[in-house]
PDB file of N, CA and C in Angstrom:
ATOM      1  N   UNK A   1     -12.579   2.952   1.844  1.00  0.00           N
ATOM      2  CA  UNK A   1     -12.530   4.404   1.694  1.00  0.00           C
ATOM      3  C   UNK A   1     -12.740   4.762   0.219  1.00  0.00           C
ATOM      4  N   UNK A   2     -13.285   5.947  -0.002  1.00  0.00           N
ATOM      5  CA  UNK A   2     -13.454   6.402  -1.374  1.00  0.00           C
ATOM      6  C   UNK A   2     -12.130   6.932  -1.918  1.00  0.00           C
ATOM      7  N   UNK A   3     -12.051   7.090  -3.217  1.00  0.00           N
ATOM      8  CA  UNK A   3     -10.841   7.633  -3.841  1.00  0.00           C
ATOM      9  C   UNK A   3     -10.544   9.021  -3.296  1.00  0.00           C
ATOM     10  N   UNK A   4     -11.571   9.843  -3.141  1.00  0.00           N
ATOM     11  CA  UNK A   4     -11.372  11.194  -2.608  1.00  0.00           C
ATOM     12  C   UNK A   4     -10.838  11.161  -1.177  1.00  0.00           C
ATOM     13  N   UNK A   5     -11.347  10.235  -0.369  1.00  0.00           N
ATOM     14  CA  UNK A   5     -10.848  10.097   1.002  1.00  0.00           C
ATOM     15  C   UNK A   5      -9.396   9.630   1.005  1.00  0.00           C
ATOM     16  N   UNK A   6      -9.068   8.697   0.131  1.00  0.00           N
ATOM     17  CA  UNK A   6      -7.696   8.191   0.063  1.00  0.00           C
ATOM     18  C   UNK A   6      -6.714   9.290  -0.354  1.00  0.00           C
ATOM     19  N   UNK A   7      -7.158  10.174  -1.228  1.00  0.00           N
ATOM     20  CA  UNK A   7      -6.279  11.250  -1.698  1.00  0.00           C
ATOM     21  C   UNK A   7      -5.937  12.245  -0.597  1.00  0.00           C
ATOM     22  N   UNK A   8      -6.736  12.269   0.476  1.00  0.00           N
ATOM     23  CA  UNK A   8      -6.487  13.227   1.552  1.00  0.00           C
ATOM     24  C   UNK A   8      -6.044  12.564   2.858  1.00  0.00           C
ATOM     25  N   UNK A   9      -5.892  11.243   2.851  1.00  0.00           N
ATOM     26  CA  UNK A   9      -5.521  10.538   4.075  1.00  0.00           C
ATOM     27  C   UNK A   9      -4.080  10.901   4.477  1.00  0.00           C
ATOM     28  N   UNK A  10      -3.857  10.977   5.771  1.00  0.00           N
ATOM     29  CA  UNK A  10      -2.521  11.268   6.293  1.00  0.00           C
ATOM     30  C   UNK A  10      -1.684   9.985   6.273  1.00  0.00           C
ATOM     31  N   UNK A  11      -0.563  10.034   5.568  1.00  0.00           N
ATOM     32  CA  UNK A  11       0.286   8.859   5.372  1.00  0.00           C
ATOM     33  C   UNK A  11       1.534   8.969   6.238  1.00  0.00           C
ATOM     34  N   UNK A  12       1.790   7.936   7.042  1.00  0.00           N
ATOM     35  CA  UNK A  12       2.976   7.925   7.902  1.00  0.00           C
ATOM     36  C   UNK A  12       4.218   7.460   7.140  1.00  0.00           C
ATOM     37  N   UNK A  13       4.012   6.614   6.131  1.00  0.00           N
ATOM     38  CA  UNK A  13       5.142   6.056   5.375  1.00  0.00           C
ATOM     39  C   UNK A  13       4.703   5.857   3.932  1.00  0.00           C
ATOM     40  N   UNK A  14       5.564   6.261   3.005  1.00  0.00           N
ATOM     41  CA  UNK A  14       5.318   6.041   1.585  1.00  0.00           C
ATOM     42  C   UNK A  14       6.444   5.171   1.044  1.00  0.00           C
ATOM     43  N   UNK A  15       6.067   4.104   0.355  1.00  0.00           N
ATOM     44  CA  UNK A  15       7.043   3.162  -0.210  1.00  0.00           C
ATOM     45  C   UNK A  15       6.955   3.263  -1.732  1.00  0.00           C
ATOM     46  N   UNK A  16       8.036   3.690  -2.362  1.00  0.00           N
ATOM     47  CA  UNK A  16       8.046   3.826  -3.815  1.00  0.00           C
ATOM     48  C   UNK A  16       8.640   2.562  -4.426  1.00  0.00           C
ATOM     49  N   UNK A  17       7.755   1.683  -4.907  1.00  0.00           N
ATOM     50  CA  UNK A  17       8.185   0.423  -5.527  1.00  0.00           C
ATOM     51  C   UNK A  17       7.886   0.424  -7.029  1.00  0.00           C
ATOM     52  N   UNK A  18       7.711   1.620  -7.592  1.00  0.00           N
ATOM     53  CA  UNK A  18       7.457   1.716  -9.030  1.00  0.00           C
ATOM     54  C   UNK A  18       8.659   1.177  -9.795  1.00  0.00           C
ATOM     55  N   UNK A  19       8.383   0.466 -10.864  1.00  0.00           N
ATOM     56  CA  UNK A  19       9.457  -0.089 -11.677  1.00  0.00           C
ATOM     57  C   UNK A  19       9.905  -1.468 -11.239  1.00  0.00           C
ATOM     58  N   UNK A  20       9.392  -1.968 -10.130  1.00  0.00           N
ATOM     59  CA  UNK A  20       9.728  -3.328  -9.700  1.00  0.00           C
ATOM     60  C   UNK A  20       8.557  -4.248 -10.025  1.00  0.00           C
ATOM     61  N   UNK A  21       8.885  -5.460 -10.414  1.00  0.00           N
ATOM     62  CA  UNK A  21       7.856  -6.442 -10.760  1.00  0.00           C
ATOM     63  C   UNK A  21       7.528  -7.292  -9.543  1.00  0.00           C
ATOM     64  N   UNK A  22       6.391  -7.937  -9.595  1.00  0.00           N
ATOM     65  CA  UNK A  22       5.940  -8.855  -8.553  1.00  0.00           C
ATOM     66  C   UNK A  22       7.041  -9.877  -8.270  1.00  0.00           C
ATOM     67  N   UNK A  23       7.390 -10.123  -7.033  1.00  0.00           N
ATOM     68  CA  UNK A  23       6.780  -9.663  -5.783  1.00  0.00           C
ATOM     69  C   UNK A  23       7.449  -8.448  -5.167  1.00  0.00           C
ATOM     70  N   UNK A  24       8.195  -7.676  -5.938  1.00  0.00           N
ATOM     71  CA  UNK A  24       8.942  -6.530  -5.420  1.00  0.00           C
ATOM     72  C   UNK A  24       8.148  -5.569  -4.559  1.00  0.00           C
ATOM     73  N   UNK A  25       7.000  -5.052  -5.049  1.00  0.00           N
ATOM     74  CA  UNK A  25       6.247  -4.109  -4.217  1.00  0.00           C
ATOM     75  C   UNK A  25       5.783  -4.705  -2.883  1.00  0.00           C
ATOM     76  N   UNK A  26       5.378  -5.956  -2.894  1.00  0.00           N
ATOM     77  CA  UNK A  26       4.945  -6.599  -1.650  1.00  0.00           C
ATOM     78  C   UNK A  26       6.121  -6.761  -0.694  1.00  0.00           C
ATOM     79  N   UNK A  27       7.274  -7.149  -1.212  1.00  0.00           N
ATOM     80  CA  UNK A  27       8.461  -7.293  -0.360  1.00  0.00           C
ATOM     81  C   UNK A  27       8.869  -5.954   0.233  1.00  0.00           C
ATOM     82  N   UNK A  28       8.783  -4.888  -0.550  1.00  0.00           N
ATOM     83  CA  UNK A  28       9.098  -3.547  -0.039  1.00  0.00           C
ATOM     84  C   UNK A  28       8.117  -3.151   1.064  1.00  0.00           C
ATOM     85  N   UNK A  29       6.845  -3.483   0.878  1.00  0.00           N
ATOM     86  CA  UNK A  29       5.834  -3.181   1.902  1.00  0.00           C
ATOM     87  C   UNK A  29       6.126  -3.951   3.181  1.00  0.00           C
ATOM     88  N   UNK A  30       6.488  -5.218   3.049  1.00  0.00           N
ATOM     89  CA  UNK A  30       6.796  -6.037   4.232  1.00  0.00           C
ATOM     90  C   UNK A  30       7.967  -5.453   5.005  1.00  0.00           C
ATOM     91  N   UNK A  31       8.980  -4.948   4.299  1.00  0.00           N
ATOM     92  CA  UNK A  31      10.135  -4.348   4.970  1.00  0.00           C
ATOM     93  C   UNK A  31       9.753  -3.047   5.670  1.00  0.00           C
ATOM     94  N   UNK A  32       8.919  -2.258   5.027  1.00  0.00           N
ATOM     95  CA  UNK A  32       8.601  -0.921   5.533  1.00  0.00           C
ATOM     96  C   UNK A  32       7.590  -0.913   6.664  1.00  0.00           C
ATOM     97  N   UNK A  33       6.774  -1.928   6.776  1.00  0.00           N
ATOM     98  CA  UNK A  33       5.688  -1.929   7.765  1.00  0.00           C
ATOM     99  C   UNK A  33       6.219  -1.806   9.196  1.00  0.00           C
ATOM    100  N   UNK A  34       7.421  -2.290   9.427  1.00  0.00           N
ATOM    101  CA  UNK A  34       8.017  -2.208  10.757  1.00  0.00           C
ATOM    102  C   UNK A  34       8.388  -0.797  11.180  1.00  0.00           C
ATOM    103  N   UNK A  35       8.428   0.120  10.223  1.00  0.00           N
ATOM    104  CA  UNK A  35       8.841   1.495  10.518  1.00  0.00           C
ATOM    105  C   UNK A  35       7.686   2.379  10.978  1.00  0.00           C
ATOM    106  N   UNK A  36       6.462   1.830  10.968  1.00  0.00           N
ATOM    107  CA  UNK A  36       5.321   2.645  11.397  1.00  0.00           C
ATOM    108  C   UNK A  36       4.640   2.007  12.602  1.00  0.00           C
ATOM    109  N   UNK A  37       3.853   2.826  13.305  1.00  0.00           N
ATOM    110  CA  UNK A  37       3.148   2.361  14.495  1.00  0.00           C
ATOM    111  C   UNK A  37       1.778   1.802  14.121  1.00  0.00           C
ATOM    112  N   UNK A  38       1.203   1.021  15.004  1.00  0.00           N
ATOM    113  CA  UNK A  38      -0.150   0.522  14.819  1.00  0.00           C
ATOM    114  C   UNK A  38      -1.122   1.678  14.654  1.00  0.00           C
ATOM    115  N   UNK A  39      -2.000   1.576  13.688  1.00  0.00           N
ATOM    116  CA  UNK A  39      -2.956   2.633  13.409  1.00  0.00           C
ATOM    117  C   UNK A  39      -2.487   3.613  12.350  1.00  0.00           C
ATOM    118  N   UNK A  40      -1.185   3.586  12.031  1.00  0.00           N
ATOM    119  CA  UNK A  40      -0.648   4.467  10.989  1.00  0.00           C
ATOM    120  C   UNK A  40      -0.976   3.918   9.605  1.00  0.00           C
ATOM    121  N   UNK A  41      -1.023   4.820   8.641  1.00  0.00           N
ATOM    122  CA  UNK A  41      -1.320   4.464   7.254  1.00  0.00           C
ATOM    123  C   UNK A  41      -0.028   4.478   6.430  1.00  0.00           C
ATOM    124  N   UNK A  42       0.110   3.469   5.585  1.00  0.00           N
ATOM    125  CA  UNK A  42       1.239   3.375   4.670  1.00  0.00           C
ATOM    126  C   UNK A  42       0.696   3.313   3.252  1.00  0.00           C
ATOM    127  N   UNK A  43       1.373   3.997   2.335  1.00  0.00           N
ATOM    128  CA  UNK A  43       1.003   3.888   0.929  1.00  0.00           C
ATOM    129  C   UNK A  43       2.146   3.210   0.183  1.00  0.00           C
ATOM    130  N   UNK A  44       1.785   2.390  -0.789  1.00  0.00           N
ATOM    131  CA  UNK A  44       2.760   1.716  -1.633  1.00  0.00           C
ATOM    132  C   UNK A  44       2.513   2.180  -3.055  1.00  0.00           C
ATOM    133  N   UNK A  45       3.535   2.789  -3.669  1.00  0.00           N
ATOM    134  CA  UNK A  45       3.449   3.221  -5.048  1.00  0.00           C
ATOM    135  C   UNK A  45       3.987   2.095  -5.910  1.00  0.00           C
ATOM    136  N   UNK A  46       3.190   1.655  -6.872  1.00  0.00           N
ATOM    137  CA  UNK A  46       3.583   0.504  -7.681  1.00  0.00           C
ATOM    138  C   UNK A  46       3.055   0.650  -9.100  1.00  0.00           C
ATOM    139  N   UNK A  47       3.874   0.215 -10.057  1.00  0.00           N
ATOM    140  CA  UNK A  47       3.446   0.180 -11.451  1.00  0.00           C
ATOM    141  C   UNK A  47       3.079  -1.245 -11.859  1.00  0.00           C
ATOM    142  N   UNK A  48       3.178  -2.188 -10.915  1.00  0.00           N
ATOM    143  CA  UNK A  48       2.850  -3.585 -11.179  1.00  0.00           C
ATOM    144  C   UNK A  48       1.380  -3.841 -10.867  1.00  0.00           C
ATOM    145  N   UNK A  49       0.636  -4.271 -11.858  1.00  0.00           N
ATOM    146  CA  UNK A  49      -0.811  -4.506 -11.738  1.00  0.00           C
ATOM    147  C   UNK A  49      -1.151  -5.473 -10.594  1.00  0.00           C
ATOM    148  N   UNK A  50      -0.294  -6.469 -10.353  1.00  0.00           N
ATOM    149  CA  UNK A  50      -0.550  -7.479  -9.333  1.00  0.00           C
ATOM    150  C   UNK A  50      -0.579  -6.945  -7.917  1.00  0.00           C
ATOM    151  N   UNK A  51       0.011  -5.778  -7.703  1.00  0.00           N
ATOM    152  CA  UNK A  51       0.047  -5.187  -6.365  1.00  0.00           C
ATOM    153  C   UNK A  51      -1.356  -4.930  -5.835  1.00  0.00           C
ATOM    154  N   UNK A  52      -2.288  -4.620  -6.712  1.00  0.00           N
ATOM    155  CA  UNK A  52      -3.671  -4.345  -6.288  1.00  0.00           C
ATOM    156  C   UNK A  52      -4.333  -5.577  -5.685  1.00  0.00           C
ATOM    157  N   UNK A  53      -3.830  -6.764  -5.988  1.00  0.00           N
ATOM    158  CA  UNK A  53      -4.344  -7.996  -5.384  1.00  0.00           C
ATOM    159  C   UNK A  53      -3.443  -8.478  -4.247  1.00  0.00           C
ATOM    160  N   UNK A  54      -2.125  -8.296  -4.417  1.00  0.00           N
ATOM    161  CA  UNK A  54      -1.171  -8.800  -3.422  1.00  0.00           C
ATOM    162  C   UNK A  54      -1.294  -8.113  -2.069  1.00  0.00           C
ATOM    163  N   UNK A  55      -1.378  -6.788  -2.072  1.00  0.00           N
ATOM    164  CA  UNK A  55      -1.431  -6.043  -0.803  1.00  0.00           C
ATOM    165  C   UNK A  55      -2.694  -6.386  -0.007  1.00  0.00           C
ATOM    166  N   UNK A  56      -3.893  -6.412  -0.632  1.00  0.00           N
ATOM    167  CA  UNK A  56      -5.085  -6.785   0.158  1.00  0.00           C
ATOM    168  C   UNK A  56      -4.990  -8.193   0.753  1.00  0.00           C
ATOM    169  N   UNK A  57      -4.454  -9.144  -0.006  1.00  0.00           N
ATOM    170  CA  UNK A  57      -4.314 -10.516   0.510  1.00  0.00           C
ATOM    171  C   UNK A  57      -3.363 -10.541   1.694  1.00  0.00           C
ATOM    172  N   UNK A  58      -2.248  -9.857   1.572  1.00  0.00           N
ATOM    173  CA  UNK A  58      -1.262  -9.815   2.646  1.00  0.00           C
ATOM    174  C   UNK A  58      -1.857  -9.137   3.881  1.00  0.00           C
ATOM    175  N   UNK A  59      -2.572  -8.037   3.684  1.00  0.00           N
ATOM    176  CA  UNK A  59      -3.214  -7.340   4.810  1.00  0.00           C
ATOM    177  C   UNK A  59      -4.161  -8.280   5.541  1.00  0.00           C
ATOM    178  N   UNK A  60      -4.946  -9.020   4.794  1.00  0.00           N
ATOM    179  CA  UNK A  60      -5.897  -9.948   5.387  1.00  0.00           C
ATOM    180  C   UNK A  60      -5.190 -11.012   6.224  1.00  0.00           C
ATOM    181  N   UNK A  61      -4.098 -11.546   5.710  1.00  0.00           N
ATOM    182  CA  UNK A  61      -3.345 -12.581   6.438  1.00  0.00           C
ATOM    183  C   UNK A  61      -2.684 -12.034   7.694  1.00  0.00           C
ATOM    184  N   UNK A  62      -2.229 -10.773   7.636  1.00  0.00           N
ATOM    185  CA  UNK A  62      -1.486 -10.187   8.749  1.00  0.00           C
ATOM    186  C   UNK A  62      -2.357  -9.406   9.734  1.00  0.00           C
ATOM    187  N   UNK A  63      -3.618  -9.182   9.369  1.00  0.00           N
ATOM    188  CA  UNK A  63      -4.507  -8.440  10.253  1.00  0.00           C
ATOM    189  C   UNK A  63      -4.483  -6.937  10.039  1.00  0.00           C
ATOM    190  N   UNK A  64      -3.766  -6.471   9.015  1.00  0.00           N
ATOM    191  CA  UNK A  64      -3.760  -5.045   8.689  1.00  0.00           C
ATOM    192  C   UNK A  64      -5.048  -4.707   7.933  1.00  0.00           C
ATOM    193  N   UNK A  65      -5.376  -3.439   7.878  1.00  0.00           N
ATOM    194  CA  UNK A  65      -6.593  -3.011   7.178  1.00  0.00           C
ATOM    195  C   UNK A  65      -6.241  -2.456   5.805  1.00  0.00           C
ATOM    196  N   UNK A  66      -6.753  -3.102   4.774  1.00  0.00           N
ATOM    197  CA  UNK A  66      -6.582  -2.607   3.413  1.00  0.00           C
ATOM    198  C   UNK A  66      -7.590  -1.490   3.203  1.00  0.00           C
ATOM    199  N   UNK A  67      -7.114  -0.318   2.750  1.00  0.00           N
ATOM    200  CA  UNK A  67      -7.982   0.840   2.607  1.00  0.00           C
ATOM    201  C   UNK A  67      -8.442   1.084   1.170  1.00  0.00           C
ATOM    202  N   UNK A  68      -7.659   0.635   0.198  1.00  0.00           N
ATOM    203  CA  UNK A  68      -8.013   0.835  -1.203  1.00  0.00           C
ATOM    204  C   UNK A  68      -6.831   1.343  -2.003  1.00  0.00           C
ATOM    205  N   UNK A  69      -7.111   1.699  -3.258  1.00  0.00           N
ATOM    206  CA  UNK A  69      -6.038   2.219  -4.102  1.00  0.00           C
ATOM    207  C   UNK A  69      -6.553   3.370  -4.961  1.00  0.00           C
ATOM    208  N   UNK A  70      -5.596   4.188  -5.392  1.00  0.00           N
ATOM    209  CA  UNK A  70      -5.868   5.302  -6.286  1.00  0.00           C
ATOM    210  C   UNK A  70      -5.026   5.089  -7.529  1.00  0.00           C
ATOM    211  N   UNK A  71      -5.653   5.184  -8.686  1.00  0.00           N
ATOM    212  CA  UNK A  71      -4.920   5.026  -9.939  1.00  0.00           C
ATOM    213  C   UNK A  71      -4.372   6.379 -10.364  1.00  0.00           C
ATOM    214  N   UNK A  72      -3.068   6.418 -10.577  1.00  0.00           N
ATOM    215  CA  UNK A  72      -2.401   7.632 -11.043  1.00  0.00           C
ATOM    216  C   UNK A  72      -1.986   7.414 -12.493  1.00  0.00           C
ATOM    217  N   UNK A  73      -1.234   8.308 -13.051  1.00  0.00           N
ATOM    218  CA  UNK A  73      -0.786   8.208 -14.430  1.00  0.00           C
ATOM    219  C   UNK A  73       0.360   7.195 -14.548  1.00  0.00           C
ATOM    220  N   UNK A  74       0.023   5.939 -14.837  1.00  0.00           N
ATOM    221  CA  UNK A  74       1.038   4.909 -15.024  1.00  0.00           C
ATOM    222  C   UNK A  74       1.404   4.120 -13.785  1.00  0.00           C
ATOM    223  N   UNK A  75       0.771   4.394 -12.652  1.00  0.00           N
ATOM    224  CA  UNK A  75       1.045   3.630 -11.430  1.00  0.00           C
ATOM    225  C   UNK A  75      -0.145   3.716 -10.484  1.00  0.00           C
ATOM    226  N   UNK A  76      -0.045   2.985  -9.384  1.00  0.00           N
ATOM    227  CA  UNK A  76      -1.095   2.940  -8.370  1.00  0.00           C
ATOM    228  C   UNK A  76      -0.533   3.346  -7.027  1.00  0.00           C
ATOM    229  N   UNK A  77      -1.386   3.938  -6.194  1.00  0.00           N
ATOM    230  CA  UNK A  77      -1.067   4.184  -4.793  1.00  0.00           C
ATOM    231  C   UNK A  77      -1.993   3.269  -4.004  1.00  0.00           C
ATOM    232  N   UNK A  78      -1.421   2.307  -3.309  1.00  0.00           N
ATOM    233  CA  UNK A  78      -2.192   1.336  -2.541  1.00  0.00           C
ATOM    234  C   UNK A  78      -2.040   1.692  -1.059  1.00  0.00           C
ATOM    235  N   UNK A  79      -3.165   1.773  -0.346  1.00  0.00           N
ATOM    236  CA  UNK A  79      -3.162   2.232   1.047  1.00  0.00           C
ATOM    237  C   UNK A  79      -3.561   1.121   2.013  1.00  0.00           C
ATOM    238  N   UNK A  80      -2.873   1.101   3.143  1.00  0.00           N
ATOM    239  CA  UNK A  80      -3.176   0.132   4.189  1.00  0.00           C
ATOM    240  C   UNK A  80      -2.912   0.757   5.545  1.00  0.00           C
ATOM    241  N   UNK A  81      -3.621   0.249   6.562  1.00  0.00           N
ATOM    242  CA  UNK A  81      -3.422   0.716   7.936  1.00  0.00           C
ATOM    243  C   UNK A  81      -2.860  -0.445   8.751  1.00  0.00           C
ATOM    244  N   UNK A  82      -1.757  -0.165   9.446  1.00  0.00           N
ATOM    245  CA  UNK A  82      -1.121  -1.213  10.261  1.00  0.00           C
ATOM    246  C   UNK A  82      -1.997  -1.569  11.448  1.00  0.00           C
ATOM    247  N   UNK A  83      -2.054  -2.862  11.773  1.00  0.00           N
ATOM    248  CA  UNK A  83      -2.856  -3.311  12.923  1.00  0.00           C
ATOM    249  C   UNK A  83      -2.268  -2.849  14.226  1.00  0.00           C
TER     250      UNK A  83
END
């Protein structure tokens, strides 16, 4: 998805993991994924640079769809769709 598309996507769950270091944001995402239904979109807010690589790898292993990320002022919003 493009950045503009990501900015308007409907999010079922938002996980604020800003201020936590690797693997904190990924662990928060793993905990939160159970709270949404298949096909729903989850965003992970993270200030850790590694999250941009960790979430796509995890999505690939679990069968979820990695949608992309948006860079904000000092953090990232990483988007994924649950399988």
